[in-house]
Amino acid sequence: VQLVESGGGLVQSGESLRLSCVTSGFTFSVYYMRWFRQAPGKEREWITTMYTDGSTRYADSVKGRFTISRDNDKNTMLLQMNSLKSEDTAVYYCKYSIYWGQGTQVTVSS
């Protein structure tokens, strides 16, 4: 199993980023997928889940600003992040079952 995130970077407050998580080694379409993030000095926190039926859940901190989606043909999970805030600064991880990606850094300057 492999999960590879990309798309992080340095942006200003109010701007957008789109993260990708390319997966391999399992049947992507039959499992739910999640995004987490870990800010400096804080514990890793769950931010969103997409289930196989297309339903989604979001943490209150990102609801209305972030959108999770998946492309089953490309075995890829996406995270569209809009209206970014400085408190969104963190390393973002995708997760399948017990497996984590390596993370991608998002830094939002105010």
PDB file of N, CA and C in Angstrom:
ATOM      1  N   VAL A   1       0.844  -1.198   0.000  1.00  0.00           N
ATOM      2  CA  VAL A   1       0.000   0.000   0.000  1.00  0.00           C
ATOM      3  C   VAL A   1       0.876   1.244   0.000  1.00  0.00           C
ATOM      4  N   GLN A   2       0.523   2.167  -0.865  1.00  0.00           N
ATOM      5  CA  GLN A   2       1.263   3.427  -0.923  1.00  0.00           C
ATOM      6  C   GLN A   2       0.289   4.590  -1.052  1.00  0.00           C
ATOM      7  N   LEU A   3       0.560   5.638  -0.297  1.00  0.00           N
ATOM      8  CA  LEU A   3      -0.214   6.872  -0.350  1.00  0.00           C
ATOM      9  C   LEU A   3       0.773   8.015  -0.522  1.00  0.00           C
ATOM     10  N   VAL A   4       0.600   8.815  -1.558  1.00  0.00           N
ATOM     11  CA  VAL A   4       1.544   9.901  -1.830  1.00  0.00           C
ATOM     12  C   VAL A   4       0.778  11.206  -1.979  1.00  0.00           C
ATOM     13  N   GLU A   5       0.975  12.101  -1.007  1.00  0.00           N
ATOM     14  CA  GLU A   5       0.338  13.406  -1.052  1.00  0.00           C
ATOM     15  C   GLU A   5       1.204  14.396  -1.818  1.00  0.00           C
ATOM     16  N   SER A   6       0.538  15.378  -2.401  1.00  0.00           N
ATOM     17  CA  SER A   6       1.227  16.481  -3.060  1.00  0.00           C
ATOM     18  C   SER A   6       0.284  17.674  -3.098  1.00  0.00           C
ATOM     19  N   GLY A   7       0.839  18.818  -3.484  1.00  0.00           N
ATOM     20  CA  GLY A   7       0.011  20.001  -3.661  1.00  0.00           C
ATOM     21  C   GLY A   7       0.146  21.042  -2.573  1.00  0.00           C
ATOM     22  N   GLY A   8       0.896  20.730  -1.537  1.00  0.00           N
ATOM     23  CA  GLY A   8       1.089  21.714  -0.484  1.00  0.00           C
ATOM     24  C   GLY A   8       1.957  22.871  -0.951  1.00  0.00           C
ATOM     25  N   GLY A   9       2.044  23.885  -0.102  1.00  0.00           N
ATOM     26  CA  GLY A   9       2.868  25.029  -0.450  1.00  0.00           C
ATOM     27  C   GLY A   9       2.628  26.184   0.487  1.00  0.00           C
ATOM     28  N   LEU A  10       3.172  27.334   0.110  1.00  0.00           N
ATOM     29  CA  LEU A  10       3.026  28.563   0.891  1.00  0.00           C
ATOM     30  C   LEU A  10       2.048  29.485   0.172  1.00  0.00           C
ATOM     31  N   VAL A  11       0.987  29.866   0.879  1.00  0.00           N
ATOM     32  CA  VAL A  11      -0.010  30.771   0.307  1.00  0.00           C
ATOM     33  C   VAL A  11      -0.340  31.850   1.328  1.00  0.00           C
ATOM     34  N   GLN A  12      -1.042  32.869   0.863  1.00  0.00           N
ATOM     35  CA  GLN A  12      -1.473  33.925   1.762  1.00  0.00           C
ATOM     36  C   GLN A  12      -2.888  33.626   2.257  1.00  0.00           C
ATOM     37  N   SER A  13      -3.202  34.221   3.361  1.00  0.00           N
ATOM     38  CA  SER A  13      -4.527  34.057   3.935  1.00  0.00           C
ATOM     39  C   SER A  13      -5.594  34.417   2.895  1.00  0.00           C
ATOM     40  N   GLY A  14      -6.626  33.588   2.785  1.00  0.00           N
ATOM     41  CA  GLY A  14      -7.705  33.811   1.836  1.00  0.00           C
ATOM     42  C   GLY A  14      -7.532  33.089   0.511  1.00  0.00           C
ATOM     43  N   GLU A  15      -6.351  32.598   0.266  1.00  0.00           N
ATOM     44  CA  GLU A  15      -6.092  31.899  -0.995  1.00  0.00           C
ATOM     45  C   GLU A  15      -6.486  30.428  -0.899  1.00  0.00           C
ATOM     46  N   SER A  16      -6.261  29.703  -1.990  1.00  0.00           N
ATOM     47  CA  SER A  16      -6.695  28.305  -2.080  1.00  0.00           C
ATOM     48  C   SER A  16      -5.529  27.392  -2.448  1.00  0.00           C
ATOM     49  N   LEU A  17      -5.697  26.141  -2.111  1.00  0.00           N
ATOM     50  CA  LEU A  17      -4.792  25.078  -2.528  1.00  0.00           C
ATOM     51  C   LEU A  17      -5.600  23.818  -2.763  1.00  0.00           C
ATOM     52  N   ARG A  18      -5.085  22.951  -3.611  1.00  0.00           N
ATOM     53  CA  ARG A  18      -5.705  21.644  -3.801  1.00  0.00           C
ATOM     54  C   ARG A  18      -4.658  20.568  -3.562  1.00  0.00           C
ATOM     55  N   LEU A  19      -4.933  19.712  -2.628  1.00  0.00           N
ATOM     56  CA  LEU A  19      -4.047  18.604  -2.307  1.00  0.00           C
ATOM     57  C   LEU A  19      -4.517  17.342  -3.016  1.00  0.00           C
ATOM     58  N   SER A  20      -3.546  16.511  -3.383  1.00  0.00           N
ATOM     59  CA  SER A  20      -3.842  15.223  -3.997  1.00  0.00           C
ATOM     60  C   SER A  20      -3.220  14.112  -3.166  1.00  0.00           C
ATOM     61  N   CYS A  21      -3.862  12.961  -3.207  1.00  0.00           N
ATOM     62  CA  CYS A  21      -3.332  11.764  -2.558  1.00  0.00           C
ATOM     63  C   CYS A  21      -3.495  10.625  -3.564  1.00  0.00           C
ATOM     64  N   VAL A  22      -2.382  10.256  -4.168  1.00  0.00           N
ATOM     65  CA  VAL A  22      -2.397   9.167  -5.143  1.00  0.00           C
ATOM     66  C   VAL A  22      -2.126   7.858  -4.403  1.00  0.00           C
ATOM     67  N   THR A  23      -2.991   6.891  -4.628  1.00  0.00           N
ATOM     68  CA  THR A  23      -2.895   5.639  -3.875  1.00  0.00           C
ATOM     69  C   THR A  23      -2.582   4.460  -4.791  1.00  0.00           C
ATOM     70  N   SER A  24      -2.029   3.419  -4.197  1.00  0.00           N
ATOM     71  CA  SER A  24      -1.782   2.176  -4.919  1.00  0.00           C
ATOM     72  C   SER A  24      -1.702   1.046  -3.910  1.00  0.00           C
ATOM     73  N   GLY A  25      -1.906  -0.164  -4.417  1.00  0.00           N
ATOM     74  CA  GLY A  25      -1.749  -1.337  -3.566  1.00  0.00           C
ATOM     75  C   GLY A  25      -3.023  -1.854  -2.926  1.00  0.00           C
ATOM     76  N   PHE A  26      -4.141  -1.201  -3.202  1.00  0.00           N
ATOM     77  CA  PHE A  26      -5.414  -1.695  -2.687  1.00  0.00           C
ATOM     78  C   PHE A  26      -6.515  -1.201  -3.629  1.00  0.00           C
ATOM     79  N   THR A  27      -7.702  -1.757  -3.444  1.00  0.00           N
ATOM     80  CA  THR A  27      -8.824  -1.378  -4.310  1.00  0.00           C
ATOM     81  C   THR A  27      -9.439  -0.101  -3.787  1.00  0.00           C
ATOM     82  N   PHE A  28      -8.985   0.988  -4.340  1.00  0.00           N
ATOM     83  CA  PHE A  28      -9.318   2.317  -3.839  1.00  0.00           C
ATOM     84  C   PHE A  28     -10.816   2.559  -3.751  1.00  0.00           C
ATOM     85  N   SER A  29     -11.551   2.083  -4.730  1.00  0.00           N
ATOM     86  CA  SER A  29     -12.968   2.451  -4.826  1.00  0.00           C
ATOM     87  C   SER A  29     -13.844   1.852  -3.740  1.00  0.00           C
ATOM     88  N   VAL A  30     -13.356   0.856  -3.017  1.00  0.00           N
ATOM     89  CA  VAL A  30     -14.235   0.171  -2.060  1.00  0.00           C
ATOM     90  C   VAL A  30     -13.941   0.566  -0.614  1.00  0.00           C
ATOM     91  N   TYR A  31     -13.088   1.556  -0.410  1.00  0.00           N
ATOM     92  CA  TYR A  31     -12.761   1.959   0.950  1.00  0.00           C
ATOM     93  C   TYR A  31     -12.993   3.446   1.158  1.00  0.00           C
ATOM     94  N   TYR A  32     -13.364   3.781   2.397  1.00  0.00           N
ATOM     95  CA  TYR A  32     -13.461   5.203   2.695  1.00  0.00           C
ATOM     96  C   TYR A  32     -12.066   5.747   2.944  1.00  0.00           C
ATOM     97  N   MET A  33     -11.930   7.025   2.703  1.00  0.00           N
ATOM     98  CA  MET A  33     -10.637   7.680   2.806  1.00  0.00           C
ATOM     99  C   MET A  33     -10.764   8.910   3.694  1.00  0.00           C
ATOM    100  N   ARG A  34      -9.663   9.273   4.329  1.00  0.00           N
ATOM    101  CA  ARG A  34      -9.685  10.397   5.250  1.00  0.00           C
ATOM    102  C   ARG A  34      -8.470  11.309   5.067  1.00  0.00           C
ATOM    103  N   TRP A  35      -8.643  12.554   5.444  1.00  0.00           N
ATOM    104  CA  TRP A  35      -7.544  13.520   5.543  1.00  0.00           C
ATOM    105  C   TRP A  35      -7.403  13.914   7.015  1.00  0.00           C
ATOM    106  N   PHE A  36      -6.154  14.065   7.401  1.00  0.00           N
ATOM    107  CA  PHE A  36      -5.812  14.568   8.716  1.00  0.00           C
ATOM    108  C   PHE A  36      -4.802  15.696   8.544  1.00  0.00           C
ATOM    109  N   ARG A  37      -4.545  16.402   9.614  1.00  0.00           N
ATOM    110  CA  ARG A  37      -3.483  17.399   9.594  1.00  0.00           C
ATOM    111  C   ARG A  37      -2.850  17.488  10.979  1.00  0.00           C
ATOM    112  N   GLN A  38      -1.603  17.948  10.984  1.00  0.00           N
ATOM    113  CA  GLN A  38      -0.891  18.127  12.234  1.00  0.00           C
ATOM    114  C   GLN A  38      -0.155  19.446  12.208  1.00  0.00           C
ATOM    115  N   ALA A  39      -0.585  20.346  13.073  1.00  0.00           N
ATOM    116  CA  ALA A  39       0.060  21.647  13.197  1.00  0.00           C
ATOM    117  C   ALA A  39       1.246  21.533  14.153  1.00  0.00           C
ATOM    118  N   PRO A  40       2.195  22.465  14.046  1.00  0.00           N
ATOM    119  CA  PRO A  40       3.363  22.424  14.935  1.00  0.00           C
ATOM    120  C   PRO A  40       2.963  22.432  16.411  1.00  0.00           C
ATOM    121  N   GLY A  41       3.488  21.472  17.154  1.00  0.00           N
ATOM    122  CA  GLY A  41       3.221  21.410  18.583  1.00  0.00           C
ATOM    123  C   GLY A  41       1.864  20.875  18.963  1.00  0.00           C
ATOM    124  N   LYS A  42       1.099  20.397  17.974  1.00  0.00           N
ATOM    125  CA  LYS A  42      -0.244  19.891  18.260  1.00  0.00           C
ATOM    126  C   LYS A  42      -0.371  18.437  17.828  1.00  0.00           C
ATOM    127  N   GLU A  43      -1.425  17.799  18.316  1.00  0.00           N
ATOM    128  CA  GLU A  43      -1.689  16.425  17.907  1.00  0.00           C
ATOM    129  C   GLU A  43      -2.303  16.389  16.510  1.00  0.00           C
ATOM    130  N   ARG A  44      -2.122  15.259  15.865  1.00  0.00           N
ATOM    131  CA  ARG A  44      -2.731  15.091  14.552  1.00  0.00           C
ATOM    132  C   ARG A  44      -4.250  15.064  14.717  1.00  0.00           C
ATOM    133  N   GLU A  45      -4.958  15.781  13.837  1.00  0.00           N
ATOM    134  CA  GLU A  45      -6.404  15.858  13.936  1.00  0.00           C
ATOM    135  C   GLU A  45      -7.060  15.450  12.630  1.00  0.00           C
ATOM    136  N   TRP A  46      -8.191  14.781  12.777  1.00  0.00           N
ATOM    137  CA  TRP A  46      -9.009  14.413  11.625  1.00  0.00           C
ATOM    138  C   TRP A  46      -9.698  15.652  11.094  1.00  0.00           C
ATOM    139  N   ILE A  47      -9.778  15.762   9.753  1.00  0.00           N
ATOM    140  CA  ILE A  47     -10.493  16.901   9.186  1.00  0.00           C
ATOM    141  C   ILE A  47     -11.627  16.497   8.263  1.00  0.00           C
ATOM    142  N   THR A  48     -11.512  15.370   7.556  1.00  0.00           N
ATOM    143  CA  THR A  48     -12.605  15.014   6.668  1.00  0.00           C
ATOM    144  C   THR A  48     -12.530  13.555   6.232  1.00  0.00           C
ATOM    145  N   THR A  49     -13.691  12.995   5.926  1.00  0.00           N
ATOM    146  CA  THR A  49     -13.827  11.629   5.418  1.00  0.00           C
ATOM    147  C   THR A  49     -14.756  11.609   4.224  1.00  0.00           C
ATOM    148  N   MET A  50     -14.395  10.804   3.239  1.00  0.00           N
ATOM    149  CA  MET A  50     -15.323  10.531   2.149  1.00  0.00           C
ATOM    150  C   MET A  50     -15.567   9.027   2.125  1.00  0.00           C
ATOM    151  N   TYR A  51     -16.846   8.645   2.134  1.00  0.00           N
ATOM    152  CA  TYR A  51     -17.231   7.246   2.114  1.00  0.00           C
ATOM    153  C   TYR A  51     -17.448   6.787   0.679  1.00  0.00           C
ATOM    154  N   THR A  52     -17.574   5.484   0.519  1.00  0.00           N
ATOM    155  CA  THR A  52     -17.676   4.943  -0.838  1.00  0.00           C
ATOM    156  C   THR A  52     -18.977   5.326  -1.525  1.00  0.00           C
ATOM    157  N   ASP A  53     -19.996   5.698  -0.753  1.00  0.00           N
ATOM    158  CA  ASP A  53     -21.255   6.117  -1.374  1.00  0.00           C
ATOM    159  C   ASP A  53     -21.239   7.606  -1.734  1.00  0.00           C
ATOM    160  N   GLY A  54     -20.098   8.242  -1.506  1.00  0.00           N
ATOM    161  CA  GLY A  54     -19.962   9.655  -1.850  1.00  0.00           C
ATOM    162  C   GLY A  54     -20.304  10.608  -0.722  1.00  0.00           C
ATOM    163  N   SER A  55     -20.813  10.097   0.370  1.00  0.00           N
ATOM    164  CA  SER A  55     -21.129  10.974   1.491  1.00  0.00           C
ATOM    165  C   SER A  55     -19.841  11.439   2.160  1.00  0.00           C
ATOM    166  N   THR A  56     -19.927  12.577   2.828  1.00  0.00           N
ATOM    167  CA  THR A  56     -18.750  13.195   3.426  1.00  0.00           C
ATOM    168  C   THR A  56     -19.039  13.696   4.835  1.00  0.00           C
ATOM    169  N   ARG A  57     -17.985  13.842   5.592  1.00  0.00           N
ATOM    170  CA  ARG A  57     -18.046  14.465   6.903  1.00  0.00           C
ATOM    171  C   ARG A  57     -16.863  15.391   7.038  1.00  0.00           C
ATOM    172  N   TYR A  58     -17.084  16.488   7.766  1.00  0.00           N
ATOM    173  CA  TYR A  58     -16.029  17.474   7.953  1.00  0.00           C
ATOM    174  C   TYR A  58     -15.938  17.887   9.416  1.00  0.00           C
ATOM    175  N   ALA A  59     -14.726  18.186   9.834  1.00  0.00           N
ATOM    176  CA  ALA A  59     -14.552  18.814  11.134  1.00  0.00           C
ATOM    177  C   ALA A  59     -15.108  20.232  11.065  1.00  0.00           C
ATOM    178  N   ASP A  60     -15.584  20.726  12.179  1.00  0.00           N
ATOM    179  CA  ASP A  60     -16.162  22.069  12.205  1.00  0.00           C
ATOM    180  C   ASP A  60     -15.160  23.127  11.747  1.00  0.00           C
ATOM    181  N   SER A  61     -13.891  22.890  12.021  1.00  0.00           N
ATOM    182  CA  SER A  61     -12.866  23.884  11.709  1.00  0.00           C
ATOM    183  C   SER A  61     -12.685  24.109  10.215  1.00  0.00           C
ATOM    184  N   VAL A  62     -13.117  23.164   9.387  1.00  0.00           N
ATOM    185  CA  VAL A  62     -12.917  23.298   7.944  1.00  0.00           C
ATOM    186  C   VAL A  62     -14.234  23.270   7.161  1.00  0.00           C
ATOM    187  N   LYS A  63     -15.324  23.009   7.833  1.00  0.00           N
ATOM    188  CA  LYS A  63     -16.617  22.886   7.157  1.00  0.00           C
ATOM    189  C   LYS A  63     -16.946  24.172   6.412  1.00  0.00           C
ATOM    190  N   GLY A  64     -17.362  24.025   5.172  1.00  0.00           N
ATOM    191  CA  GLY A  64     -17.712  25.182   4.358  1.00  0.00           C
ATOM    192  C   GLY A  64     -16.548  25.767   3.588  1.00  0.00           C
ATOM    193  N   ARG A  65     -15.325  25.363   3.924  1.00  0.00           N
ATOM    194  CA  ARG A  65     -14.139  25.885   3.235  1.00  0.00           C
ATOM    195  C   ARG A  65     -13.389  24.783   2.482  1.00  0.00           C
ATOM    196  N   PHE A  66     -13.392  23.590   3.028  1.00  0.00           N
ATOM    197  CA  PHE A  66     -12.678  22.471   2.404  1.00  0.00           C
ATOM    198  C   PHE A  66     -13.675  21.512   1.766  1.00  0.00           C
ATOM    199  N   THR A  67     -13.246  20.889   0.663  1.00  0.00           N
ATOM    200  CA  THR A  67     -14.072  19.900  -0.017  1.00  0.00           C
ATOM    201  C   THR A  67     -13.237  18.687  -0.376  1.00  0.00           C
ATOM    202  N   ILE A  68     -13.684  17.534   0.076  1.00  0.00           N
ATOM    203  CA  ILE A  68     -13.012  16.293  -0.268  1.00  0.00           C
ATOM    204  C   ILE A  68     -13.702  15.667  -1.467  1.00  0.00           C
ATOM    205  N   SER A  69     -12.903  15.060  -2.331  1.00  0.00           N
ATOM    206  CA  SER A  69     -13.477  14.346  -3.468  1.00  0.00           C
ATOM    207  C   SER A  69     -12.545  13.196  -3.826  1.00  0.00           C
ATOM    208  N   ARG A  70     -13.010  12.336  -4.704  1.00  0.00           N
ATOM    209  CA  ARG A  70     -12.191  11.194  -5.106  1.00  0.00           C
ATOM    210  C   ARG A  70     -12.400  10.906  -6.580  1.00  0.00           C
ATOM    211  N   ASP A  71     -11.339  10.454  -7.215  1.00  0.00           N
ATOM    212  CA  ASP A  71     -11.387  10.024  -8.600  1.00  0.00           C
ATOM    213  C   ASP A  71     -11.020   8.547  -8.597  1.00  0.00           C
ATOM    214  N   ASN A  72     -12.034   7.707  -8.655  1.00  0.00           N
ATOM    215  CA  ASN A  72     -11.781   6.263  -8.551  1.00  0.00           C
ATOM    216  C   ASN A  72     -11.005   5.733  -9.756  1.00  0.00           C
ATOM    217  N   ASP A  73     -11.163   6.379 -10.896  1.00  0.00           N
ATOM    218  CA  ASP A  73     -10.431   5.923 -12.094  1.00  0.00           C
ATOM    219  C   ASP A  73      -8.930   6.146 -11.930  1.00  0.00           C
ATOM    220  N   LYS A  74      -8.567   7.163 -11.175  1.00  0.00           N
ATOM    221  CA  LYS A  74      -7.151   7.494 -10.981  1.00  0.00           C
ATOM    222  C   LYS A  74      -6.639   7.102  -9.598  1.00  0.00           C
ATOM    223  N   ASN A  75      -7.498   6.430  -8.814  1.00  0.00           N
ATOM    224  CA  ASN A  75      -7.105   6.026  -7.447  1.00  0.00           C
ATOM    225  C   ASN A  75      -6.567   7.210  -6.651  1.00  0.00           C
ATOM    226  N   THR A  76      -7.242   8.324  -6.779  1.00  0.00           N
ATOM    227  CA  THR A  76      -6.751   9.577  -6.189  1.00  0.00           C
ATOM    228  C   THR A  76      -7.822  10.230  -5.337  1.00  0.00           C
ATOM    229  N   MET A  77      -7.399  10.730  -4.198  1.00  0.00           N
ATOM    230  CA  MET A  77      -8.268  11.516  -3.336  1.00  0.00           C
ATOM    231  C   MET A  77      -7.784  12.963  -3.382  1.00  0.00           C
ATOM    232  N   LEU A  78      -8.719  13.887  -3.374  1.00  0.00           N
ATOM    233  CA  LEU A  78      -8.399  15.306  -3.478  1.00  0.00           C
ATOM    234  C   LEU A  78      -8.949  16.057  -2.272  1.00  0.00           C
ATOM    235  N   LEU A  79      -8.302  17.159  -1.969  1.00  0.00           N
ATOM    236  CA  LEU A  79      -8.798  18.055  -0.928  1.00  0.00           C
ATOM    237  C   LEU A  79      -8.666  19.484  -1.444  1.00  0.00           C
ATOM    238  N   GLN A  80      -9.794  20.077  -1.783  1.00  0.00           N
ATOM    239  CA  GLN A  80      -9.814  21.478  -2.199  1.00  0.00           C
ATOM    240  C   GLN A  80      -9.955  22.344  -0.950  1.00  0.00           C
ATOM    241  N   MET A  81      -9.011  23.243  -0.763  1.00  0.00           N
ATOM    242  CA  MET A  81      -9.002  24.085   0.431  1.00  0.00           C
ATOM    243  C   MET A  81      -9.129  25.537   0.003  1.00  0.00           C
ATOM    244  N   ASN A  82     -10.223  26.165   0.366  1.00  0.00           N
ATOM    245  CA  ASN A  82     -10.481  27.562   0.037  1.00  0.00           C
ATOM    246  C   ASN A  82     -10.472  28.424   1.286  1.00  0.00           C
ATOM    247  N   SER A  83     -10.353  29.718   1.073  1.00  0.00           N
ATOM    248  CA  SER A  83     -10.381  30.678   2.187  1.00  0.00           C
ATOM    249  C   SER A  83      -9.442  30.252   3.312  1.00  0.00           C
ATOM    250  N   LEU A  84      -8.225  29.942   2.936  1.00  0.00           N
ATOM    251  CA  LEU A  84      -7.268  29.437   3.924  1.00  0.00           C
ATOM    252  C   LEU A  84      -6.941  30.498   4.966  1.00  0.00           C
ATOM    253  N   LYS A  85      -6.711  30.002   6.180  1.00  0.00           N
ATOM    254  CA  LYS A  85      -6.382  30.854   7.309  1.00  0.00           C
ATOM    255  C   LYS A  85      -5.021  30.435   7.873  1.00  0.00           C
ATOM    256  N   SER A  86      -4.428  31.294   8.654  1.00  0.00           N
ATOM    257  CA  SER A  86      -3.123  30.967   9.234  1.00  0.00           C
ATOM    258  C   SER A  86      -3.221  29.712  10.105  1.00  0.00           C
ATOM    259  N   GLU A  87      -4.355  29.512  10.737  1.00  0.00           N
ATOM    260  CA  GLU A  87      -4.521  28.326  11.591  1.00  0.00           C
ATOM    261  C   GLU A  87      -4.657  27.024  10.808  1.00  0.00           C
ATOM    262  N   ASP A  88      -4.728  27.117   9.493  1.00  0.00           N
ATOM    263  CA  ASP A  88      -4.718  25.917   8.660  1.00  0.00           C
ATOM    264  C   ASP A  88      -3.292  25.423   8.395  1.00  0.00           C
ATOM    265  N   THR A  89      -2.307  26.188   8.809  1.00  0.00           N
ATOM    266  CA  THR A  89      -0.918  25.783   8.625  1.00  0.00           C
ATOM    267  C   THR A  89      -0.656  24.466   9.343  1.00  0.00           C
ATOM    268  N   ALA A  90      -0.199  23.472   8.595  1.00  0.00           N
ATOM    269  CA  ALA A  90      -0.005  22.131   9.146  1.00  0.00           C
ATOM    270  C   ALA A  90       0.583  21.235   8.064  1.00  0.00           C
ATOM    271  N   VAL A  91       0.980  20.045   8.478  1.00  0.00           N
ATOM    272  CA  VAL A  91       1.283  18.982   7.521  1.00  0.00           C
ATOM    273  C   VAL A  91      -0.002  18.189   7.333  1.00  0.00           C
ATOM    274  N   TYR A  92      -0.376  17.992   6.086  1.00  0.00           N
ATOM    275  CA  TYR A  92      -1.619  17.310   5.753  1.00  0.00           C
ATOM    276  C   TYR A  92      -1.324  15.884   5.296  1.00  0.00           C
ATOM    277  N   TYR A  93      -2.112  14.947   5.836  1.00  0.00           N
ATOM    278  CA  TYR A  93      -1.913  13.530   5.562  1.00  0.00           C
ATOM    279  C   TYR A  93      -3.202  12.896   5.060  1.00  0.00           C
ATOM    280  N   CYS A  94      -3.074  11.984   4.112  1.00  0.00           N
ATOM    281  CA  CYS A  94      -4.210  11.145   3.775  1.00  0.00           C
ATOM    282  C   CYS A  94      -4.017   9.789   4.459  1.00  0.00           C
ATOM    283  N   LYS A  95      -5.133   9.110   4.691  1.00  0.00           N
ATOM    284  CA  LYS A  95      -5.082   7.846   5.413  1.00  0.00           C
ATOM    285  C   LYS A  95      -6.069   6.846   4.847  1.00  0.00           C
ATOM    286  N   TYR A  96      -5.601   5.619   4.692  1.00  0.00           N
ATOM    287  CA  TYR A  96      -6.439   4.489   4.336  1.00  0.00           C
ATOM    288  C   TYR A  96      -6.162   3.391   5.352  1.00  0.00           C
ATOM    289  N   SER A  97      -7.211   2.958   6.040  1.00  0.00           N
ATOM    290  CA  SER A  97      -7.060   1.902   7.052  1.00  0.00           C
ATOM    291  C   SER A  97      -5.972   2.311   8.040  1.00  0.00           C
ATOM    292  N   ILE A  98      -4.913   1.561   8.175  1.00  0.00           N
ATOM    293  CA  ILE A  98      -3.843   1.888   9.107  1.00  0.00           C
ATOM    294  C   ILE A  98      -2.681   2.595   8.413  1.00  0.00           C
ATOM    295  N   TYR A  99      -2.838   2.854   7.124  1.00  0.00           N
ATOM    296  CA  TYR A  99      -1.741   3.381   6.327  1.00  0.00           C
ATOM    297  C   TYR A  99      -1.827   4.904   6.172  1.00  0.00           C
ATOM    298  N   TRP A 100      -0.666   5.548   6.309  1.00  0.00           N
ATOM    299  CA  TRP A 100      -0.551   6.997   6.170  1.00  0.00           C
ATOM    300  C   TRP A 100       0.356   7.339   4.998  1.00  0.00           C
ATOM    301  N   GLY A 101       0.075   8.473   4.385  1.00  0.00           N
ATOM    302  CA  GLY A 101       1.023   9.034   3.457  1.00  0.00           C
ATOM    303  C   GLY A 101       2.134   9.741   4.210  1.00  0.00           C
ATOM    304  N   GLN A 102       3.068  10.323   3.460  1.00  0.00           N
ATOM    305  CA  GLN A 102       4.213  10.986   4.082  1.00  0.00           C
ATOM    306  C   GLN A 102       3.898  12.415   4.497  1.00  0.00           C
ATOM    307  N   GLY A 103       2.795  12.934   3.994  1.00  0.00           N
ATOM    308  CA  GLY A 103       2.374  14.280   4.349  1.00  0.00           C
ATOM    309  C   GLY A 103       2.863  15.321   3.370  1.00  0.00           C
ATOM    310  N   THR A 104       2.130  16.426   3.307  1.00  0.00           N
ATOM    311  CA  THR A 104       2.520  17.570   2.493  1.00  0.00           C
ATOM    312  C   THR A 104       2.291  18.840   3.321  1.00  0.00           C
ATOM    313  N   GLN A 105       3.274  19.722   3.294  1.00  0.00           N
ATOM    314  CA  GLN A 105       3.237  20.912   4.148  1.00  0.00           C
ATOM    315  C   GLN A 105       2.383  22.012   3.521  1.00  0.00           C
ATOM    316  N   VAL A 106       1.482  22.546   4.307  1.00  0.00           N
ATOM    317  CA  VAL A 106       0.701  23.718   3.917  1.00  0.00           C
ATOM    318  C   VAL A 106       1.024  24.831   4.903  1.00  0.00           C
ATOM    319  N   THR A 107       1.447  25.960   4.365  1.00  0.00           N
ATOM    320  CA  THR A 107       1.753  27.112   5.197  1.00  0.00           C
ATOM    321  C   THR A 107       0.955  28.305   4.703  1.00  0.00           C
ATOM    322  N   VAL A 108       0.191  28.894   5.600  1.00  0.00           N
ATOM    323  CA  VAL A 108      -0.644  30.044   5.256  1.00  0.00           C
ATOM    324  C   VAL A 108      -0.140  31.252   6.027  1.00  0.00           C
ATOM    325  N   SER A 109       0.295  32.250   5.292  1.00  0.00           N
ATOM    326  CA  SER A 109       0.799  33.459   5.942  1.00  0.00           C
ATOM    327  C   SER A 109      -0.316  34.489   6.037  1.00  0.00           C
ATOM    328  N   SER A 110      -0.326  35.210   7.140  1.00  0.00           N
ATOM    329  CA  SER A 110      -1.392  36.201   7.352  1.00  0.00           C
ATOM    330  C   SER A 110      -0.955  37.587   6.914  1.00  0.00           C
TER     331      SER A 110
END
